[in-house]
């Protein structure tokens, strides 16, 4: 795993044929920074009281 993929995340997209129809299969794996930012924003939202 590369450092950029570790920090920012990685994705892969491939076409899958399913009974004559073409579907796009997308695999997303968020990296460290988006996960930390998301967790921090959820924490701030949950702990923001009536100041």
PDB file of N, CA and C in Angstrom:
ATOM      1  N   UNK A   1       0.851  -1.190   0.000  1.00  0.00           N
ATOM      2  CA  UNK A   1       0.000   0.000   0.000  1.00  0.00           C
ATOM      3  C   UNK A   1       0.886   1.238   0.000  1.00  0.00           C
ATOM      4  N   UNK A   2       0.582   2.140  -0.883  1.00  0.00           N
ATOM      5  CA  UNK A   2       1.377   3.358  -0.983  1.00  0.00           C
ATOM      6  C   UNK A   2       0.948   4.353   0.082  1.00  0.00           C
ATOM      7  N   UNK A   3       1.809   5.306   0.351  1.00  0.00           N
ATOM      8  CA  UNK A   3       1.529   6.306   1.375  1.00  0.00           C
ATOM      9  C   UNK A   3       0.329   7.160   0.995  1.00  0.00           C
ATOM     10  N   UNK A   4       0.237   7.524  -0.289  1.00  0.00           N
ATOM     11  CA  UNK A   4      -0.896   8.341  -0.736  1.00  0.00           C
ATOM     12  C   UNK A   4      -2.210   7.588  -0.546  1.00  0.00           C
ATOM     13  N   UNK A   5      -2.231   6.297  -0.882  1.00  0.00           N
ATOM     14  CA  UNK A   5      -3.435   5.498  -0.685  1.00  0.00           C
ATOM     15  C   UNK A   5      -3.758   5.353   0.793  1.00  0.00           C
ATOM     16  N   UNK A   6      -2.729   5.264   1.626  1.00  0.00           N
ATOM     17  CA  UNK A   6      -2.935   5.120   3.061  1.00  0.00           C
ATOM     18  C   UNK A   6      -3.548   6.391   3.654  1.00  0.00           C
ATOM     19  N   UNK A   7      -3.080   7.551   3.194  1.00  0.00           N
ATOM     20  CA  UNK A   7      -3.558   8.812   3.759  1.00  0.00           C
ATOM     21  C   UNK A   7      -4.876   9.265   3.150  1.00  0.00           C
ATOM     22  N   UNK A   8      -5.003   9.182   1.824  1.00  0.00           N
ATOM     23  CA  UNK A   8      -6.161   9.763   1.159  1.00  0.00           C
ATOM     24  C   UNK A   8      -7.218   8.750   0.785  1.00  0.00           C
ATOM     25  N   UNK A   9      -6.834   7.494   0.686  1.00  0.00           N
ATOM     26  CA  UNK A   9      -7.789   6.474   0.315  1.00  0.00           C
ATOM     27  C   UNK A   9      -7.555   5.995  -1.111  1.00  0.00           C
ATOM     28  N   UNK A  10      -8.234   4.938  -1.467  1.00  0.00           N
ATOM     29  CA  UNK A  10      -8.089   4.364  -2.794  1.00  0.00           C
ATOM     30  C   UNK A  10      -9.459   3.939  -3.288  1.00  0.00           C
ATOM     31  N   UNK A  11      -9.562   3.859  -4.601  1.00  0.00           N
ATOM     32  CA  UNK A  11     -10.806   3.372  -5.169  1.00  0.00           C
ATOM     33  C   UNK A  11     -10.496   2.570  -6.423  1.00  0.00           C
ATOM     34  N   UNK A  12     -11.367   1.653  -6.725  1.00  0.00           N
ATOM     35  CA  UNK A  12     -11.233   0.903  -7.964  1.00  0.00           C
ATOM     36  C   UNK A  12     -12.612   0.794  -8.587  1.00  0.00           C
ATOM     37  N   UNK A  13     -12.637   0.894  -9.894  1.00  0.00           N
ATOM     38  CA  UNK A  13     -13.897   0.856 -10.622  1.00  0.00           C
ATOM     39  C   UNK A  13     -13.735  -0.116 -11.772  1.00  0.00           C
ATOM     40  N   UNK A  14     -14.668  -1.035 -11.907  1.00  0.00           N
ATOM     41  CA  UNK A  14     -14.589  -2.003 -12.983  1.00  0.00           C
ATOM     42  C   UNK A  14     -15.977  -2.290 -13.531  1.00  0.00           C
ATOM     43  N   UNK A  15     -15.999  -2.610 -14.810  1.00  0.00           N
ATOM     44  CA  UNK A  15     -17.273  -2.935 -15.443  1.00  0.00           C
ATOM     45  C   UNK A  15     -17.550  -4.415 -15.275  1.00  0.00           C
ATOM     46  N   UNK A  16     -18.791  -4.734 -14.917  1.00  0.00           N
ATOM     47  CA  UNK A  16     -19.193  -6.121 -14.728  1.00  0.00           C
ATOM     48  C   UNK A  16     -20.399  -6.380 -15.616  1.00  0.00           C
ATOM     49  N   UNK A  17     -20.314  -7.404 -16.441  1.00  0.00           N
ATOM     50  CA  UNK A  17     -21.444  -7.786 -17.278  1.00  0.00           C
ATOM     51  C   UNK A  17     -22.341  -8.739 -16.499  1.00  0.00           C
ATOM     52  N   UNK A  18     -23.612  -8.374 -16.382  1.00  0.00           N
ATOM     53  CA  UNK A  18     -24.559  -9.188 -15.634  1.00  0.00           C
ATOM     54  C   UNK A  18     -25.791  -9.424 -16.503  1.00  0.00           C
ATOM     55  N   UNK A  19     -25.836 -10.580 -17.135  1.00  0.00           N
ATOM     56  CA  UNK A  19     -26.984 -10.973 -17.969  1.00  0.00           C
ATOM     57  C   UNK A  19     -27.289  -9.934 -19.047  1.00  0.00           C
ATOM     58  N   UNK A  20     -26.264  -9.504 -19.746  1.00  0.00           N
ATOM     59  CA  UNK A  20     -26.454  -8.556 -20.838  1.00  0.00           C
ATOM     60  C   UNK A  20     -26.436  -7.106 -20.416  1.00  0.00           C
ATOM     61  N   UNK A  21     -26.527  -6.847 -19.123  1.00  0.00           N
ATOM     62  CA  UNK A  21     -26.461  -5.469 -18.638  1.00  0.00           C
ATOM     63  C   UNK A  21     -25.067  -5.198 -18.104  1.00  0.00           C
ATOM     64  N   UNK A  22     -24.624  -3.989 -18.296  1.00  0.00           N
ATOM     65  CA  UNK A  22     -23.302  -3.606 -17.801  1.00  0.00           C
ATOM     66  C   UNK A  22     -23.467  -2.809 -16.513  1.00  0.00           C
ATOM     67  N   UNK A  23     -22.807  -3.274 -15.493  1.00  0.00           N
ATOM     68  CA  UNK A  23     -22.858  -2.566 -14.213  1.00  0.00           C
ATOM     69  C   UNK A  23     -21.450  -2.069 -13.889  1.00  0.00           C
ATOM     70  N   UNK A  24     -21.406  -1.003 -13.136  1.00  0.00           N
ATOM     71  CA  UNK A  24     -20.135  -0.500 -12.646  1.00  0.00           C
ATOM     72  C   UNK A  24     -19.979  -0.928 -11.192  1.00  0.00           C
ATOM     73  N   UNK A  25     -18.887  -1.579 -10.922  1.00  0.00           N
ATOM     74  CA  UNK A  25     -18.605  -1.992  -9.554  1.00  0.00           C
ATOM     75  C   UNK A  25     -17.525  -1.070  -9.000  1.00  0.00           C
ATOM     76  N   UNK A  26     -17.856  -0.358  -7.957  1.00  0.00           N
ATOM     77  CA  UNK A  26     -16.932   0.616  -7.383  1.00  0.00           C
ATOM     78  C   UNK A  26     -16.583   0.176  -5.968  1.00  0.00           C
ATOM     79  N   UNK A  27     -15.308   0.079  -5.710  1.00  0.00           N
ATOM     80  CA  UNK A  27     -14.830  -0.256  -4.367  1.00  0.00           C
ATOM     81  C   UNK A  27     -14.108   0.961  -3.810  1.00  0.00           C
ATOM     82  N   UNK A  28     -14.626   1.487  -2.713  1.00  0.00           N
ATOM     83  CA  UNK A  28     -14.018   2.636  -2.071  1.00  0.00           C
ATOM     84  C   UNK A  28     -13.403   2.216  -0.743  1.00  0.00           C
ATOM     85  N   UNK A  29     -12.208   2.692  -0.499  1.00  0.00           N
ATOM     86  CA  UNK A  29     -11.606   2.480   0.812  1.00  0.00           C
ATOM     87  C   UNK A  29     -11.043   3.811   1.277  1.00  0.00           C
ATOM     88  N   UNK A  30     -11.711   4.445   2.226  1.00  0.00           N
ATOM     89  CA  UNK A  30     -11.225   5.739   2.690  1.00  0.00           C
ATOM     90  C   UNK A  30      -9.898   5.597   3.419  1.00  0.00           C
ATOM     91  N   UNK A  31      -9.086   6.612   3.295  1.00  0.00           N
ATOM     92  CA  UNK A  31      -7.774   6.593   3.930  1.00  0.00           C
ATOM     93  C   UNK A  31      -7.828   7.114   5.347  1.00  0.00           C
ATOM     94  N   UNK A  32      -6.665   7.379   5.860  1.00  0.00           N
ATOM     95  CA  UNK A  32      -6.542   7.797   7.254  1.00  0.00           C
ATOM     96  C   UNK A  32      -7.080   9.208   7.481  1.00  0.00           C
ATOM     97  N   UNK A  33      -6.705  10.143   6.604  1.00  0.00           N
ATOM     98  CA  UNK A  33      -7.126  11.529   6.815  1.00  0.00           C
ATOM     99  C   UNK A  33      -8.633  11.726   6.712  1.00  0.00           C
ATOM    100  N   UNK A  34      -9.317  11.212   5.684  1.00  0.00           N
ATOM    101  CA  UNK A  34     -10.773  11.374   5.662  1.00  0.00           C
ATOM    102  C   UNK A  34     -11.461  10.717   6.851  1.00  0.00           C
ATOM    103  N   UNK A  35     -10.949   9.581   7.287  1.00  0.00           N
ATOM    104  CA  UNK A  35     -11.548   8.892   8.428  1.00  0.00           C
ATOM    105  C   UNK A  35     -11.390   9.722   9.699  1.00  0.00           C
ATOM    106  N   UNK A  36     -10.210  10.292   9.885  1.00  0.00           N
ATOM    107  CA  UNK A  36      -9.968  11.117  11.074  1.00  0.00           C
ATOM    108  C   UNK A  36     -10.817  12.379  11.029  1.00  0.00           C
ATOM    109  N   UNK A  37     -10.904  13.013   9.865  1.00  0.00           N
ATOM    110  CA  UNK A  37     -11.719  14.225   9.750  1.00  0.00           C
ATOM    111  C   UNK A  37     -13.194  13.925  10.005  1.00  0.00           C
ATOM    112  N   UNK A  38     -13.669  12.804   9.474  1.00  0.00           N
ATOM    113  CA  UNK A  38     -15.061  12.432   9.680  1.00  0.00           C
ATOM    114  C   UNK A  38     -15.329  12.145  11.159  1.00  0.00           C
ATOM    115  N   UNK A  39     -14.441  11.396  11.788  1.00  0.00           N
ATOM    116  CA  UNK A  39     -14.621  11.067  13.206  1.00  0.00           C
ATOM    117  C   UNK A  39     -14.570  12.331  14.061  1.00  0.00           C
ATOM    118  N   UNK A  40     -13.667  13.257  13.716  1.00  0.00           N
ATOM    119  CA  UNK A  40     -13.550  14.497  14.478  1.00  0.00           C
ATOM    120  C   UNK A  40     -14.803  15.340  14.329  1.00  0.00           C
ATOM    121  N   UNK A  41     -15.345  15.424  13.104  1.00  0.00           N
ATOM    122  CA  UNK A  41     -16.546  16.231  12.907  1.00  0.00           C
ATOM    123  C   UNK A  41     -17.752  15.619  13.620  1.00  0.00           C
ATOM    124  N   UNK A  42     -17.846  14.290  13.622  1.00  0.00           N
ATOM    125  CA  UNK A  42     -18.933  13.633  14.360  1.00  0.00           C
ATOM    126  C   UNK A  42     -18.777  13.887  15.859  1.00  0.00           C
ATOM    127  N   UNK A  43     -17.546  13.808  16.354  1.00  0.00           N
ATOM    128  CA  UNK A  43     -17.287  14.066  17.771  1.00  0.00           C
ATOM    129  C   UNK A  43     -17.663  15.495  18.150  1.00  0.00           C
ATOM    130  N   UNK A  44     -17.265  16.459  17.312  1.00  0.00           N
ATOM    131  CA  UNK A  44     -17.587  17.855  17.595  1.00  0.00           C
ATOM    132  C   UNK A  44     -19.093  18.086  17.551  1.00  0.00           C
ATOM    133  N   UNK A  45     -19.772  17.416  16.621  1.00  0.00           N
ATOM    134  CA  UNK A  45     -21.226  17.570  16.515  1.00  0.00           C
ATOM    135  C   UNK A  45     -21.912  16.986  17.746  1.00  0.00           C
ATOM    136  N   UNK A  46     -21.438  15.838  18.198  1.00  0.00           N
ATOM    137  CA  UNK A  46     -22.087  15.177  19.334  1.00  0.00           C
ATOM    138  C   UNK A  46     -21.800  15.880  20.652  1.00  0.00           C
ATOM    139  N   UNK A  47     -20.629  16.521  20.763  1.00  0.00           N
ATOM    140  CA  UNK A  47     -20.260  17.145  22.015  1.00  0.00           C
ATOM    141  C   UNK A  47     -20.566  18.629  22.042  1.00  0.00           C
ATOM    142  N   UNK A  48     -21.145  19.174  20.970  1.00  0.00           N
ATOM    143  CA  UNK A  48     -21.478  20.597  20.987  1.00  0.00           C
ATOM    144  C   UNK A  48     -22.758  20.790  21.795  1.00  0.00           C
ATOM    145  N   UNK A  49     -22.597  21.282  22.991  1.00  0.00           N
ATOM    146  CA  UNK A  49     -23.759  21.466  23.860  1.00  0.00           C
ATOM    147  C   UNK A  49     -24.361  22.838  23.659  1.00  0.00           C
ATOM    148  N   UNK A  50     -25.212  23.215  24.564  1.00  0.00           N
ATOM    149  CA  UNK A  50     -25.827  24.535  24.522  1.00  0.00           C
ATOM    150  C   UNK A  50     -24.930  25.507  25.273  1.00  0.00           C
ATOM    151  N   UNK A  51     -23.919  25.949  24.613  1.00  0.00           N
ATOM    152  CA  UNK A  51     -22.967  26.859  25.279  1.00  0.00           C
ATOM    153  C   UNK A  51     -23.543  28.260  25.339  1.00  0.00           C
TER     154      UNK A  51
END
